[in-house]
């Protein structure tokens, strides 16, 4: 159950964390849609990315690292590592010493694809530029995204974007049916990285004892 929860959360992280690649805009006061659209454009030009993050949720906290280039990615969290080469996904669970191999469906790819998260407002989410309150309003934009369809998950996403750099500082996820919030904090990031294609593919030689479970 814990492994499933982490795998599901990692998919959510892949998209929302990529909002940090925004760039400074003009002096004109932007609206929430404008911020996300410019963020998406900046991401397309960001090249390879390395990002460190911390997740705080009801069950506790854990740290992770995300490597991403285009639609390819690698996510490392404690006891788990996932590779995606744009077609095939490998998820290694250390405690079981096994690798699950799958080919995500189009629906699943929408969850994995960072651009899908940047355009949530086009997929049944209401977008609003809100106010945090207090001194924090001087340094961050607070964007709320709320699902119009009461069956959608997450129910709401809250983004904290710094005003001086237009980069994401924090993401709060409100899962449907839960009173507990999941918070993602951006610890550090590097853009302009370069990774070989093999970096995004599971290497059996590095895990010689792992059982490979092909779910395709």
N, C-alpha and C. Protein backbone atom coordinates (compact mmCIF):
# COMPACT_ATOMS: atom_id res chain seq x y z
N UNK A 1 0.83 -1.21 0.00
CA UNK A 1 0.00 0.00 0.00
C UNK A 1 0.87 1.25 0.00
N UNK A 2 1.94 1.23 0.81
CA UNK A 2 2.83 2.38 0.88
C UNK A 2 3.50 2.60 -0.46
N UNK A 3 3.96 1.48 -1.10
CA UNK A 3 4.62 1.59 -2.40
C UNK A 3 3.68 2.16 -3.44
N UNK A 4 2.42 1.68 -3.46
CA UNK A 4 1.44 2.18 -4.41
C UNK A 4 1.21 3.67 -4.22
N UNK A 5 1.11 4.09 -2.94
CA UNK A 5 0.88 5.51 -2.66
C UNK A 5 2.04 6.35 -3.16
N UNK A 6 3.27 5.88 -2.95
CA UNK A 6 4.44 6.63 -3.40
C UNK A 6 4.50 6.69 -4.92
N UNK A 7 4.15 5.59 -5.60
CA UNK A 7 4.16 5.58 -7.07
C UNK A 7 3.14 6.57 -7.62
N UNK A 8 1.96 6.60 -7.00
CA UNK A 8 0.92 7.51 -7.45
C UNK A 8 1.34 8.95 -7.22
N UNK A 9 1.92 9.22 -6.05
CA UNK A 9 2.35 10.58 -5.74
C UNK A 9 3.48 11.02 -6.64
N UNK A 10 4.40 10.11 -6.97
CA UNK A 10 5.51 10.45 -7.87
C UNK A 10 4.98 10.91 -9.22
N UNK A 11 3.90 10.29 -9.70
CA UNK A 11 3.32 10.71 -10.97
C UNK A 11 2.80 12.14 -10.88
N UNK A 12 2.18 12.46 -9.76
CA UNK A 12 1.68 13.82 -9.57
C UNK A 12 2.83 14.81 -9.53
N UNK A 13 3.91 14.43 -8.87
CA UNK A 13 5.05 15.32 -8.72
C UNK A 13 5.67 15.68 -10.06
N UNK A 14 5.72 14.74 -10.97
CA UNK A 14 6.41 14.96 -12.24
C UNK A 14 5.91 16.19 -12.95
N UNK A 15 4.60 16.40 -12.89
CA UNK A 15 4.09 17.57 -13.56
C UNK A 15 4.17 18.85 -12.78
N UNK A 16 3.65 18.85 -11.57
CA UNK A 16 3.56 20.10 -10.83
C UNK A 16 4.91 20.69 -10.47
N UNK A 17 5.91 19.87 -10.26
CA UNK A 17 7.23 20.40 -9.92
C UNK A 17 7.84 21.19 -11.06
N UNK A 18 7.44 20.89 -12.28
CA UNK A 18 8.04 21.55 -13.44
C UNK A 18 7.59 22.99 -13.61
N UNK A 19 6.68 23.44 -12.80
CA UNK A 19 6.27 24.84 -12.85
C UNK A 19 7.38 25.78 -12.41
N UNK A 20 8.43 25.26 -11.84
CA UNK A 20 9.51 26.12 -11.36
C UNK A 20 10.32 26.76 -12.48
N UNK A 21 10.12 26.34 -13.73
CA UNK A 21 10.97 26.83 -14.80
C UNK A 21 10.45 28.11 -15.44
N UNK A 22 9.67 28.88 -14.72
CA UNK A 22 9.20 30.15 -15.26
C UNK A 22 10.33 31.16 -15.31
N UNK A 23 10.15 32.20 -16.14
CA UNK A 23 11.16 33.24 -16.28
C UNK A 23 10.53 34.59 -15.97
N UNK A 24 11.34 35.62 -15.66
CA UNK A 24 10.80 36.95 -15.40
C UNK A 24 9.94 37.46 -16.55
N UNK A 25 8.86 38.15 -16.22
CA UNK A 25 7.95 38.69 -17.21
C UNK A 25 8.04 40.20 -17.20
N UNK A 26 7.22 40.84 -18.00
CA UNK A 26 7.21 42.30 -18.06
C UNK A 26 6.60 42.86 -16.80
N UNK A 27 6.63 44.17 -16.67
CA UNK A 27 6.12 44.82 -15.46
C UNK A 27 4.60 44.74 -15.36
N UNK A 28 3.94 44.36 -16.46
CA UNK A 28 2.49 44.25 -16.44
C UNK A 28 2.05 43.16 -15.47
N UNK A 29 1.04 43.43 -14.67
CA UNK A 29 0.54 42.46 -13.70
C UNK A 29 -0.04 41.26 -14.44
N UNK A 30 0.52 40.06 -14.27
CA UNK A 30 0.02 38.89 -14.98
C UNK A 30 -1.19 38.29 -14.28
N UNK A 31 -2.00 37.53 -15.04
CA UNK A 31 -3.06 36.76 -14.41
C UNK A 31 -2.57 35.32 -14.30
N UNK A 32 -3.35 34.47 -13.65
CA UNK A 32 -2.92 33.10 -13.38
C UNK A 32 -2.67 32.33 -14.67
N UNK A 33 -3.55 32.48 -15.65
CA UNK A 33 -3.39 31.77 -16.92
C UNK A 33 -2.11 32.20 -17.62
N UNK A 34 -1.85 33.49 -17.61
CA UNK A 34 -0.65 34.02 -18.25
C UNK A 34 0.62 33.46 -17.61
N UNK A 35 0.61 33.35 -16.29
CA UNK A 35 1.76 32.80 -15.57
C UNK A 35 2.03 31.37 -16.01
N UNK A 36 1.00 30.55 -16.07
CA UNK A 36 1.17 29.15 -16.44
C UNK A 36 1.60 28.98 -17.89
N UNK A 37 1.05 29.79 -18.78
CA UNK A 37 1.41 29.69 -20.19
C UNK A 37 2.87 30.07 -20.41
N UNK A 38 3.32 31.11 -19.74
CA UNK A 38 4.71 31.52 -19.87
C UNK A 38 5.64 30.51 -19.20
N UNK A 39 5.15 29.90 -18.14
CA UNK A 39 5.92 28.87 -17.47
C UNK A 39 6.14 27.68 -18.40
N UNK A 40 5.08 27.27 -19.09
CA UNK A 40 5.18 26.14 -20.02
C UNK A 40 6.17 26.45 -21.13
N UNK A 41 6.14 27.65 -21.66
CA UNK A 41 7.05 28.04 -22.73
C UNK A 41 8.49 28.03 -22.23
N UNK A 42 8.71 28.52 -21.01
CA UNK A 42 10.05 28.52 -20.44
C UNK A 42 10.56 27.10 -20.24
N UNK A 43 9.66 26.21 -19.82
CA UNK A 43 10.06 24.82 -19.60
C UNK A 43 10.54 24.17 -20.89
N UNK A 44 9.86 24.48 -21.99
CA UNK A 44 10.25 23.89 -23.27
C UNK A 44 11.66 24.29 -23.68
N UNK A 45 12.12 25.41 -23.15
CA UNK A 45 13.45 25.91 -23.49
C UNK A 45 14.49 25.62 -22.40
N UNK A 46 14.07 24.94 -21.34
CA UNK A 46 14.95 24.77 -20.17
C UNK A 46 16.03 23.72 -20.36
N UNK A 47 15.86 22.80 -21.33
CA UNK A 47 16.83 21.73 -21.47
C UNK A 47 16.66 20.70 -20.38
N UNK A 48 17.73 19.98 -20.07
CA UNK A 48 17.66 18.99 -19.01
C UNK A 48 17.58 19.65 -17.65
N UNK A 49 16.95 18.96 -16.71
CA UNK A 49 16.71 19.53 -15.38
C UNK A 49 17.08 18.52 -14.29
N UNK A 50 17.64 19.03 -13.21
CA UNK A 50 17.85 18.24 -12.00
C UNK A 50 17.22 19.00 -10.85
N UNK A 51 16.34 18.35 -10.12
CA UNK A 51 15.55 19.02 -9.10
C UNK A 51 15.51 18.19 -7.82
N UNK A 52 15.77 18.83 -6.68
CA UNK A 52 15.64 18.18 -5.37
C UNK A 52 14.38 18.71 -4.70
N UNK A 53 13.60 17.83 -4.08
CA UNK A 53 12.35 18.24 -3.46
C UNK A 53 12.10 17.47 -2.17
N UNK A 54 11.22 18.01 -1.35
CA UNK A 54 10.78 17.34 -0.12
C UNK A 54 9.26 17.29 -0.11
N UNK A 55 8.71 16.14 0.22
CA UNK A 55 7.26 15.96 0.29
C UNK A 55 6.86 15.76 1.74
N UNK A 56 5.90 16.56 2.19
CA UNK A 56 5.34 16.43 3.54
C UNK A 56 3.87 16.02 3.42
N UNK A 57 3.51 14.90 4.00
CA UNK A 57 2.13 14.42 3.95
C UNK A 57 1.74 13.80 5.27
N UNK A 58 0.53 13.30 5.36
CA UNK A 58 0.01 12.77 6.62
C UNK A 58 0.89 11.66 7.19
N UNK A 59 1.39 10.79 6.32
CA UNK A 59 2.17 9.64 6.78
C UNK A 59 3.61 9.99 7.14
N UNK A 60 4.04 11.21 6.85
CA UNK A 60 5.41 11.59 7.14
C UNK A 60 6.02 12.41 6.02
N UNK A 61 7.34 12.46 5.98
CA UNK A 61 8.06 13.25 4.98
C UNK A 61 9.11 12.39 4.29
N UNK A 62 9.41 12.73 3.04
CA UNK A 62 10.51 12.08 2.35
C UNK A 62 11.05 13.02 1.28
N UNK A 63 12.32 12.80 0.94
CA UNK A 63 12.99 13.64 -0.05
C UNK A 63 13.17 12.87 -1.35
N UNK A 64 13.39 13.60 -2.42
CA UNK A 64 13.58 12.95 -3.71
C UNK A 64 14.34 13.84 -4.67
N UNK A 65 14.74 13.23 -5.78
CA UNK A 65 15.43 13.95 -6.85
C UNK A 65 14.77 13.60 -8.17
N UNK A 66 14.53 14.59 -9.00
CA UNK A 66 13.93 14.41 -10.31
C UNK A 66 14.92 14.86 -11.38
N UNK A 67 15.15 13.99 -12.37
CA UNK A 67 15.95 14.34 -13.55
C UNK A 67 15.00 14.29 -14.74
N UNK A 68 14.98 15.32 -15.54
CA UNK A 68 14.01 15.35 -16.62
C UNK A 68 14.55 16.06 -17.85
N UNK A 69 14.21 15.52 -19.01
CA UNK A 69 14.56 16.15 -20.27
C UNK A 69 13.46 15.82 -21.28
N UNK A 70 12.71 16.83 -21.71
CA UNK A 70 11.57 16.58 -22.58
C UNK A 70 10.54 15.73 -21.86
N UNK A 71 10.12 14.63 -22.48
CA UNK A 71 9.14 13.73 -21.87
C UNK A 71 9.82 12.61 -21.08
N UNK A 72 11.13 12.56 -21.09
CA UNK A 72 11.86 11.51 -20.38
C UNK A 72 12.18 11.96 -18.96
N UNK A 73 12.19 11.00 -18.03
CA UNK A 73 12.51 11.38 -16.65
C UNK A 73 13.03 10.21 -15.84
N UNK A 74 13.68 10.55 -14.73
CA UNK A 74 14.08 9.60 -13.70
C UNK A 74 13.70 10.24 -12.37
N UNK A 75 13.03 9.49 -11.51
CA UNK A 75 12.67 9.98 -10.18
C UNK A 75 13.25 9.02 -9.14
N UNK A 76 13.97 9.58 -8.18
CA UNK A 76 14.55 8.79 -7.09
C UNK A 76 13.97 9.26 -5.76
N UNK A 77 13.38 8.33 -5.02
CA UNK A 77 12.96 8.59 -3.65
C UNK A 77 13.49 7.43 -2.81
N UNK A 78 13.37 7.53 -1.50
CA UNK A 78 13.92 6.49 -0.63
C UNK A 78 13.28 5.14 -0.93
N UNK A 79 14.09 4.18 -1.33
CA UNK A 79 13.60 2.83 -1.58
C UNK A 79 12.95 2.63 -2.92
N UNK A 80 12.96 3.64 -3.79
CA UNK A 80 12.28 3.50 -5.07
C UNK A 80 12.93 4.37 -6.14
N UNK A 81 12.97 3.85 -7.37
CA UNK A 81 13.50 4.61 -8.49
C UNK A 81 12.69 4.28 -9.74
N UNK A 82 12.33 5.30 -10.50
CA UNK A 82 11.51 5.13 -11.69
C UNK A 82 12.20 5.77 -12.89
N UNK A 83 12.21 5.04 -14.01
CA UNK A 83 12.75 5.54 -15.27
C UNK A 83 11.63 5.58 -16.31
N UNK A 84 11.66 6.57 -17.19
CA UNK A 84 10.70 6.63 -18.29
C UNK A 84 11.43 7.21 -19.50
N UNK A 85 11.47 6.44 -20.60
CA UNK A 85 12.23 6.85 -21.79
C UNK A 85 11.35 7.48 -22.87
N UNK A 86 10.12 7.82 -22.49
CA UNK A 86 9.19 8.38 -23.45
C UNK A 86 8.23 7.34 -23.99
N UNK A 87 8.49 6.07 -23.69
CA UNK A 87 7.64 4.98 -24.16
C UNK A 87 7.41 3.92 -23.08
N UNK A 88 8.51 3.46 -22.48
CA UNK A 88 8.45 2.40 -21.46
C UNK A 88 8.83 2.95 -20.09
N UNK A 89 8.14 2.45 -19.06
CA UNK A 89 8.42 2.87 -17.69
C UNK A 89 8.89 1.67 -16.86
N UNK A 90 9.95 1.89 -16.08
CA UNK A 90 10.47 0.89 -15.16
C UNK A 90 10.42 1.45 -13.75
N UNK A 91 9.83 0.72 -12.82
CA UNK A 91 9.76 1.16 -11.43
C UNK A 91 10.42 0.11 -10.54
N UNK A 92 11.53 0.49 -9.92
CA UNK A 92 12.29 -0.43 -9.07
C UNK A 92 11.95 -0.19 -7.61
N UNK A 93 11.56 -1.26 -6.91
CA UNK A 93 11.24 -1.20 -5.48
C UNK A 93 12.33 -1.95 -4.73
N UNK A 94 13.14 -1.24 -3.97
CA UNK A 94 14.30 -1.83 -3.31
C UNK A 94 13.91 -2.91 -2.30
N UNK A 95 12.85 -2.67 -1.52
CA UNK A 95 12.47 -3.62 -0.47
C UNK A 95 12.07 -4.98 -1.03
N UNK A 96 11.55 -5.00 -2.25
CA UNK A 96 11.15 -6.25 -2.89
C UNK A 96 12.18 -6.72 -3.91
N UNK A 97 13.15 -5.86 -4.21
CA UNK A 97 14.16 -6.13 -5.24
C UNK A 97 13.49 -6.57 -6.53
N UNK A 98 12.51 -5.77 -6.97
CA UNK A 98 11.81 -6.09 -8.21
C UNK A 98 11.57 -4.83 -9.03
N UNK A 99 11.43 -5.05 -10.33
CA UNK A 99 11.20 -3.95 -11.27
C UNK A 99 9.90 -4.22 -12.03
N UNK A 100 8.97 -3.28 -11.98
CA UNK A 100 7.73 -3.39 -12.74
C UNK A 100 7.89 -2.62 -14.04
N UNK A 101 7.67 -3.30 -15.16
CA UNK A 101 7.82 -2.70 -16.48
C UNK A 101 6.44 -2.49 -17.08
N UNK A 102 6.18 -1.30 -17.57
CA UNK A 102 4.87 -1.00 -18.15
C UNK A 102 5.00 0.01 -19.28
N UNK A 103 3.95 0.10 -20.08
CA UNK A 103 3.84 1.13 -21.11
C UNK A 103 2.60 1.95 -20.76
N UNK A 104 2.77 3.13 -20.20
CA UNK A 104 1.64 3.94 -19.75
C UNK A 104 0.62 4.18 -20.86
N UNK A 105 -0.66 4.13 -20.50
CA UNK A 105 -1.72 4.43 -21.45
C UNK A 105 -1.74 5.93 -21.72
N UNK A 106 -2.53 6.33 -22.70
CA UNK A 106 -2.64 7.75 -23.01
C UNK A 106 -3.15 8.54 -21.82
N UNK A 107 -4.10 7.95 -21.09
CA UNK A 107 -4.64 8.62 -19.90
C UNK A 107 -3.56 8.76 -18.83
N UNK A 108 -2.78 7.70 -18.64
CA UNK A 108 -1.70 7.76 -17.65
C UNK A 108 -0.63 8.75 -18.07
N UNK A 109 -0.37 8.84 -19.37
CA UNK A 109 0.63 9.78 -19.86
C UNK A 109 0.22 11.22 -19.58
N UNK A 110 -1.07 11.48 -19.54
CA UNK A 110 -1.52 12.83 -19.21
C UNK A 110 -1.14 13.18 -17.78
N UNK A 111 -1.09 12.16 -16.92
CA UNK A 111 -0.65 12.39 -15.55
C UNK A 111 0.86 12.55 -15.49
N UNK A 112 1.57 11.77 -16.31
CA UNK A 112 3.03 11.81 -16.32
C UNK A 112 3.58 13.01 -17.07
N UNK A 113 2.82 13.48 -18.06
CA UNK A 113 3.29 14.56 -18.91
C UNK A 113 3.23 15.90 -18.19
N UNK A 114 4.34 16.58 -18.02
CA UNK A 114 4.34 17.87 -17.32
C UNK A 114 3.44 18.91 -17.96
N UNK A 115 3.33 18.89 -19.29
CA UNK A 115 2.50 19.89 -19.96
C UNK A 115 1.03 19.75 -19.59
N UNK A 116 0.61 18.53 -19.27
CA UNK A 116 -0.79 18.31 -18.88
C UNK A 116 -1.11 19.08 -17.61
N UNK A 117 -0.15 19.13 -16.68
CA UNK A 117 -0.39 19.85 -15.43
C UNK A 117 -0.38 21.35 -15.65
N UNK A 118 0.44 21.81 -16.58
CA UNK A 118 0.51 23.24 -16.85
C UNK A 118 -0.78 23.75 -17.47
N UNK A 119 -1.57 22.86 -18.05
CA UNK A 119 -2.80 23.28 -18.71
C UNK A 119 -4.03 22.69 -18.04
N UNK A 120 -3.97 22.51 -16.74
CA UNK A 120 -5.12 21.96 -16.02
C UNK A 120 -6.38 22.79 -16.21
N UNK A 121 -6.17 24.11 -16.37
CA UNK A 121 -7.35 24.96 -16.53
C UNK A 121 -8.09 24.66 -17.82
N UNK A 122 -7.46 23.93 -18.75
CA UNK A 122 -8.11 23.53 -19.99
C UNK A 122 -8.77 22.16 -19.85
N UNK A 123 -8.58 21.53 -18.70
CA UNK A 123 -9.08 20.17 -18.50
C UNK A 123 -10.04 20.10 -17.32
N UNK A 124 -10.85 21.13 -17.16
CA UNK A 124 -11.87 21.09 -16.13
C UNK A 124 -11.45 21.62 -14.79
N UNK A 125 -10.36 22.40 -14.75
CA UNK A 125 -9.94 23.04 -13.50
C UNK A 125 -10.11 24.55 -13.60
N UNK A 126 -10.72 25.13 -12.58
CA UNK A 126 -10.88 26.58 -12.54
C UNK A 126 -9.60 27.21 -12.00
N UNK A 127 -9.16 28.25 -12.65
CA UNK A 127 -7.88 28.88 -12.33
C UNK A 127 -8.13 30.24 -11.71
N UNK A 128 -7.38 30.56 -10.64
CA UNK A 128 -7.58 31.84 -9.97
C UNK A 128 -6.27 32.32 -9.34
N UNK A 129 -5.98 33.62 -9.51
CA UNK A 129 -4.85 34.24 -8.84
C UNK A 129 -5.37 34.81 -7.53
N UNK A 130 -4.94 34.21 -6.42
CA UNK A 130 -5.48 34.57 -5.11
C UNK A 130 -4.46 35.34 -4.28
N UNK A 131 -4.76 35.47 -3.00
CA UNK A 131 -3.89 36.19 -2.07
C UNK A 131 -3.54 35.30 -0.89
N UNK A 132 -2.26 35.28 -0.52
CA UNK A 132 -1.83 34.49 0.62
C UNK A 132 -2.15 35.21 1.92
N UNK A 133 -1.90 36.52 1.90
CA UNK A 133 -2.11 37.33 3.09
C UNK A 133 -0.81 37.67 3.79
N UNK A 134 -0.74 38.86 4.36
CA UNK A 134 0.45 39.27 5.10
C UNK A 134 1.62 39.63 4.19
N UNK A 135 2.82 39.59 4.76
CA UNK A 135 4.03 39.98 4.03
C UNK A 135 4.31 39.07 2.84
N UNK A 136 3.83 37.83 2.89
CA UNK A 136 4.13 36.88 1.82
C UNK A 136 3.56 37.33 0.48
N UNK A 137 2.50 38.15 0.51
CA UNK A 137 1.91 38.64 -0.73
C UNK A 137 2.88 39.50 -1.53
N UNK A 138 3.87 40.06 -0.85
CA UNK A 138 4.84 40.91 -1.54
C UNK A 138 5.87 40.11 -2.31
N UNK A 139 6.01 38.84 -1.99
CA UNK A 139 7.06 38.03 -2.61
C UNK A 139 6.57 36.88 -3.47
N UNK A 140 5.30 36.46 -3.31
CA UNK A 140 4.83 35.32 -4.08
C UNK A 140 3.45 35.56 -4.68
N UNK A 141 3.22 34.92 -5.82
CA UNK A 141 1.88 34.81 -6.40
C UNK A 141 1.30 33.50 -5.89
N UNK A 142 0.00 33.53 -5.60
CA UNK A 142 -0.67 32.35 -5.07
C UNK A 142 -1.76 31.96 -6.06
N UNK A 143 -1.55 30.85 -6.76
CA UNK A 143 -2.49 30.40 -7.79
C UNK A 143 -3.25 29.18 -7.28
N UNK A 144 -4.56 29.22 -7.40
CA UNK A 144 -5.38 28.07 -7.00
C UNK A 144 -6.03 27.46 -8.24
N UNK A 145 -6.03 26.13 -8.28
CA UNK A 145 -6.70 25.39 -9.35
C UNK A 145 -7.68 24.43 -8.70
N UNK A 146 -8.95 24.57 -9.03
CA UNK A 146 -9.99 23.77 -8.41
C UNK A 146 -10.75 22.99 -9.47
N UNK A 147 -10.93 21.69 -9.25
CA UNK A 147 -11.61 20.84 -10.22
C UNK A 147 -13.10 21.16 -10.29
N UNK A 148 -13.60 21.37 -11.51
CA UNK A 148 -15.03 21.60 -11.69
C UNK A 148 -15.80 20.29 -11.54
N UNK A 149 -15.20 19.20 -11.98
CA UNK A 149 -15.79 17.87 -11.86
C UNK A 149 -15.45 17.31 -10.48
N UNK A 150 -16.46 16.99 -9.70
CA UNK A 150 -16.25 16.53 -8.34
C UNK A 150 -15.66 15.12 -8.25
N UNK A 151 -15.42 14.49 -9.41
CA UNK A 151 -14.78 13.17 -9.42
C UNK A 151 -13.28 13.27 -9.68
N UNK A 152 -12.82 14.43 -10.10
CA UNK A 152 -11.41 14.59 -10.43
C UNK A 152 -10.52 14.58 -9.19
N UNK A 153 -9.32 14.04 -9.36
CA UNK A 153 -8.33 14.01 -8.29
C UNK A 153 -6.99 14.46 -8.85
N UNK A 154 -6.32 15.42 -8.19
CA UNK A 154 -6.67 16.04 -6.91
C UNK A 154 -7.83 17.02 -7.04
N UNK A 155 -8.47 17.27 -5.93
CA UNK A 155 -9.58 18.21 -5.91
C UNK A 155 -9.11 19.63 -6.17
N UNK A 156 -7.96 19.99 -5.58
CA UNK A 156 -7.40 21.33 -5.74
C UNK A 156 -5.88 21.27 -5.73
N UNK A 157 -5.27 22.23 -6.43
CA UNK A 157 -3.81 22.39 -6.44
C UNK A 157 -3.52 23.85 -6.14
N UNK A 158 -2.59 24.10 -5.22
CA UNK A 158 -2.23 25.47 -4.84
C UNK A 158 -0.75 25.69 -5.13
N UNK A 159 -0.45 26.72 -5.90
CA UNK A 159 0.92 26.99 -6.32
C UNK A 159 1.42 28.31 -5.74
N UNK A 160 2.63 28.30 -5.20
CA UNK A 160 3.28 29.51 -4.70
C UNK A 160 4.43 29.83 -5.65
N UNK A 161 4.32 30.92 -6.40
CA UNK A 161 5.31 31.29 -7.40
C UNK A 161 5.98 32.60 -7.00
N UNK A 162 7.30 32.63 -6.95
CA UNK A 162 8.00 33.85 -6.54
C UNK A 162 7.83 34.95 -7.58
N UNK A 163 7.61 36.16 -7.12
CA UNK A 163 7.36 37.28 -8.03
C UNK A 163 8.61 37.76 -8.74
N UNK A 164 9.76 37.65 -8.09
CA UNK A 164 10.97 38.20 -8.70
C UNK A 164 11.55 37.30 -9.78
N UNK A 165 11.37 35.99 -9.66
CA UNK A 165 11.95 35.07 -10.64
C UNK A 165 10.90 34.25 -11.39
N UNK A 166 9.65 34.29 -10.94
CA UNK A 166 8.58 33.46 -11.51
C UNK A 166 8.95 31.99 -11.50
N UNK A 167 9.44 31.56 -10.37
CA UNK A 167 9.75 30.15 -10.18
C UNK A 167 8.92 29.61 -9.03
N UNK A 168 8.59 28.34 -9.13
CA UNK A 168 7.76 27.72 -8.11
C UNK A 168 8.53 27.53 -6.81
N UNK A 169 7.89 27.89 -5.71
CA UNK A 169 8.50 27.74 -4.39
C UNK A 169 7.86 26.58 -3.63
N UNK A 170 6.56 26.39 -3.82
CA UNK A 170 5.83 25.37 -3.06
C UNK A 170 4.57 24.97 -3.81
N UNK A 171 4.18 23.70 -3.65
CA UNK A 171 2.93 23.18 -4.21
C UNK A 171 2.17 22.46 -3.11
N UNK A 172 0.89 22.77 -2.97
CA UNK A 172 0.02 22.05 -2.04
C UNK A 172 -1.02 21.29 -2.85
N UNK A 173 -1.15 20.00 -2.58
CA UNK A 173 -2.13 19.15 -3.26
C UNK A 173 -3.22 18.76 -2.28
N UNK A 174 -4.48 18.91 -2.69
CA UNK A 174 -5.61 18.50 -1.85
C UNK A 174 -6.27 17.29 -2.51
N UNK A 175 -5.92 16.06 -2.09
CA UNK A 175 -6.52 14.86 -2.66
C UNK A 175 -8.02 14.81 -2.39
N UNK A 176 -8.78 14.34 -3.34
CA UNK A 176 -10.22 14.25 -3.14
C UNK A 176 -10.54 13.21 -2.07
N UNK A 177 -11.45 13.58 -1.19
CA UNK A 177 -11.87 12.67 -0.14
C UNK A 177 -10.96 12.63 1.07
N UNK A 178 -9.95 13.50 1.10
CA UNK A 178 -9.03 13.52 2.24
C UNK A 178 -8.99 14.92 2.83
N UNK A 179 -8.90 15.00 4.15
CA UNK A 179 -8.82 16.31 4.80
C UNK A 179 -7.37 16.74 4.99
N UNK A 180 -6.44 15.89 4.56
CA UNK A 180 -5.02 16.19 4.74
C UNK A 180 -4.39 16.69 3.43
N UNK A 181 -3.56 17.68 3.55
CA UNK A 181 -2.88 18.28 2.41
C UNK A 181 -1.50 17.67 2.24
N UNK A 182 -1.08 17.52 0.99
CA UNK A 182 0.29 17.11 0.68
C UNK A 182 1.05 18.34 0.20
N UNK A 183 2.19 18.63 0.82
CA UNK A 183 2.98 19.81 0.47
C UNK A 183 4.30 19.39 -0.15
N UNK A 184 4.64 20.01 -1.27
CA UNK A 184 5.89 19.75 -1.97
C UNK A 184 6.74 21.01 -1.90
N UNK A 185 7.91 20.91 -1.32
CA UNK A 185 8.82 22.04 -1.21
C UNK A 185 9.98 21.86 -2.17
N UNK A 186 10.31 22.90 -2.93
CA UNK A 186 11.43 22.86 -3.85
C UNK A 186 12.70 23.23 -3.08
N UNK A 187 13.62 22.30 -2.98
CA UNK A 187 14.85 22.54 -2.22
C UNK A 187 15.96 23.13 -3.09
N UNK A 188 16.14 22.59 -4.27
CA UNK A 188 17.15 23.10 -5.19
C UNK A 188 16.86 22.60 -6.60
N UNK A 189 17.40 23.27 -7.60
CA UNK A 189 17.20 22.84 -8.98
C UNK A 189 18.30 23.39 -9.87
N UNK A 190 18.53 22.66 -10.95
CA UNK A 190 19.52 23.07 -11.95
C UNK A 190 18.91 22.86 -13.33
N UNK A 191 19.01 23.85 -14.18
CA UNK A 191 18.52 23.73 -15.55
C UNK A 191 19.70 23.65 -16.51
N UNK A 192 19.42 23.41 -17.79
CA UNK A 192 20.48 23.35 -18.79
C UNK A 192 21.35 22.11 -18.68
N UNK A 193 20.83 21.04 -18.08
CA UNK A 193 21.58 19.80 -17.94
C UNK A 193 21.48 18.97 -19.23
N UNK A 194 22.42 18.05 -19.41
CA UNK A 194 22.41 17.18 -20.58
C UNK A 194 22.54 15.73 -20.13
N UNK A 195 21.61 14.89 -20.60
CA UNK A 195 21.61 13.48 -20.22
C UNK A 195 21.57 12.60 -21.47
N UNK A 196 22.33 11.50 -21.50
CA UNK A 196 22.24 10.57 -22.63
C UNK A 196 20.92 9.82 -22.57
N UNK A 197 20.45 9.31 -23.70
CA UNK A 197 19.18 8.58 -23.72
C UNK A 197 19.20 7.38 -22.77
N UNK A 198 20.36 6.75 -22.63
CA UNK A 198 20.48 5.57 -21.77
C UNK A 198 20.22 5.89 -20.30
N UNK A 199 20.35 7.15 -19.92
CA UNK A 199 20.13 7.56 -18.54
C UNK A 199 18.69 7.31 -18.11
N UNK A 200 17.76 7.34 -19.07
CA UNK A 200 16.33 7.21 -18.77
C UNK A 200 15.82 5.78 -18.98
N UNK A 201 16.75 4.83 -19.11
CA UNK A 201 16.39 3.42 -19.32
C UNK A 201 16.95 2.56 -18.19
N UNK A 202 16.14 1.65 -17.67
CA UNK A 202 16.58 0.75 -16.61
C UNK A 202 17.74 -0.12 -17.10
N UNK A 203 18.81 -0.18 -16.31
CA UNK A 203 20.00 -0.97 -16.63
C UNK A 203 20.01 -2.23 -15.78
N UNK A 204 19.70 -3.36 -16.38
CA UNK A 204 19.62 -4.63 -15.66
C UNK A 204 20.96 -4.99 -15.01
N UNK A 205 22.07 -4.59 -15.63
CA UNK A 205 23.39 -4.91 -15.08
C UNK A 205 23.62 -4.23 -13.73
N UNK A 206 22.98 -3.11 -13.52
CA UNK A 206 23.15 -2.38 -12.25
C UNK A 206 22.32 -3.00 -11.13
N UNK A 207 21.34 -3.86 -11.50
CA UNK A 207 20.46 -4.52 -10.53
C UNK A 207 20.39 -6.00 -10.90
N UNK A 208 21.48 -6.73 -10.80
CA UNK A 208 21.55 -8.11 -11.30
C UNK A 208 20.60 -9.09 -10.61
N UNK A 209 20.24 -8.83 -9.35
CA UNK A 209 19.37 -9.77 -8.62
C UNK A 209 17.89 -9.40 -8.69
N UNK A 210 17.59 -8.27 -9.29
CA UNK A 210 16.20 -7.79 -9.31
C UNK A 210 15.32 -8.67 -10.21
N UNK A 211 14.12 -8.97 -9.72
CA UNK A 211 13.14 -9.69 -10.52
C UNK A 211 12.42 -8.70 -11.42
N UNK A 212 12.37 -8.98 -12.70
CA UNK A 212 11.71 -8.10 -13.66
C UNK A 212 10.30 -8.61 -13.92
N UNK A 213 9.31 -7.79 -13.60
CA UNK A 213 7.91 -8.16 -13.80
C UNK A 213 7.37 -7.32 -14.95
N UNK A 214 7.16 -7.97 -16.09
CA UNK A 214 6.71 -7.28 -17.29
C UNK A 214 5.19 -7.21 -17.29
N UNK A 215 4.65 -6.00 -17.14
CA UNK A 215 3.20 -5.81 -17.06
C UNK A 215 2.62 -5.30 -18.37
N UNK A 216 3.41 -5.33 -19.44
CA UNK A 216 2.93 -4.84 -20.73
C UNK A 216 2.01 -5.85 -21.39
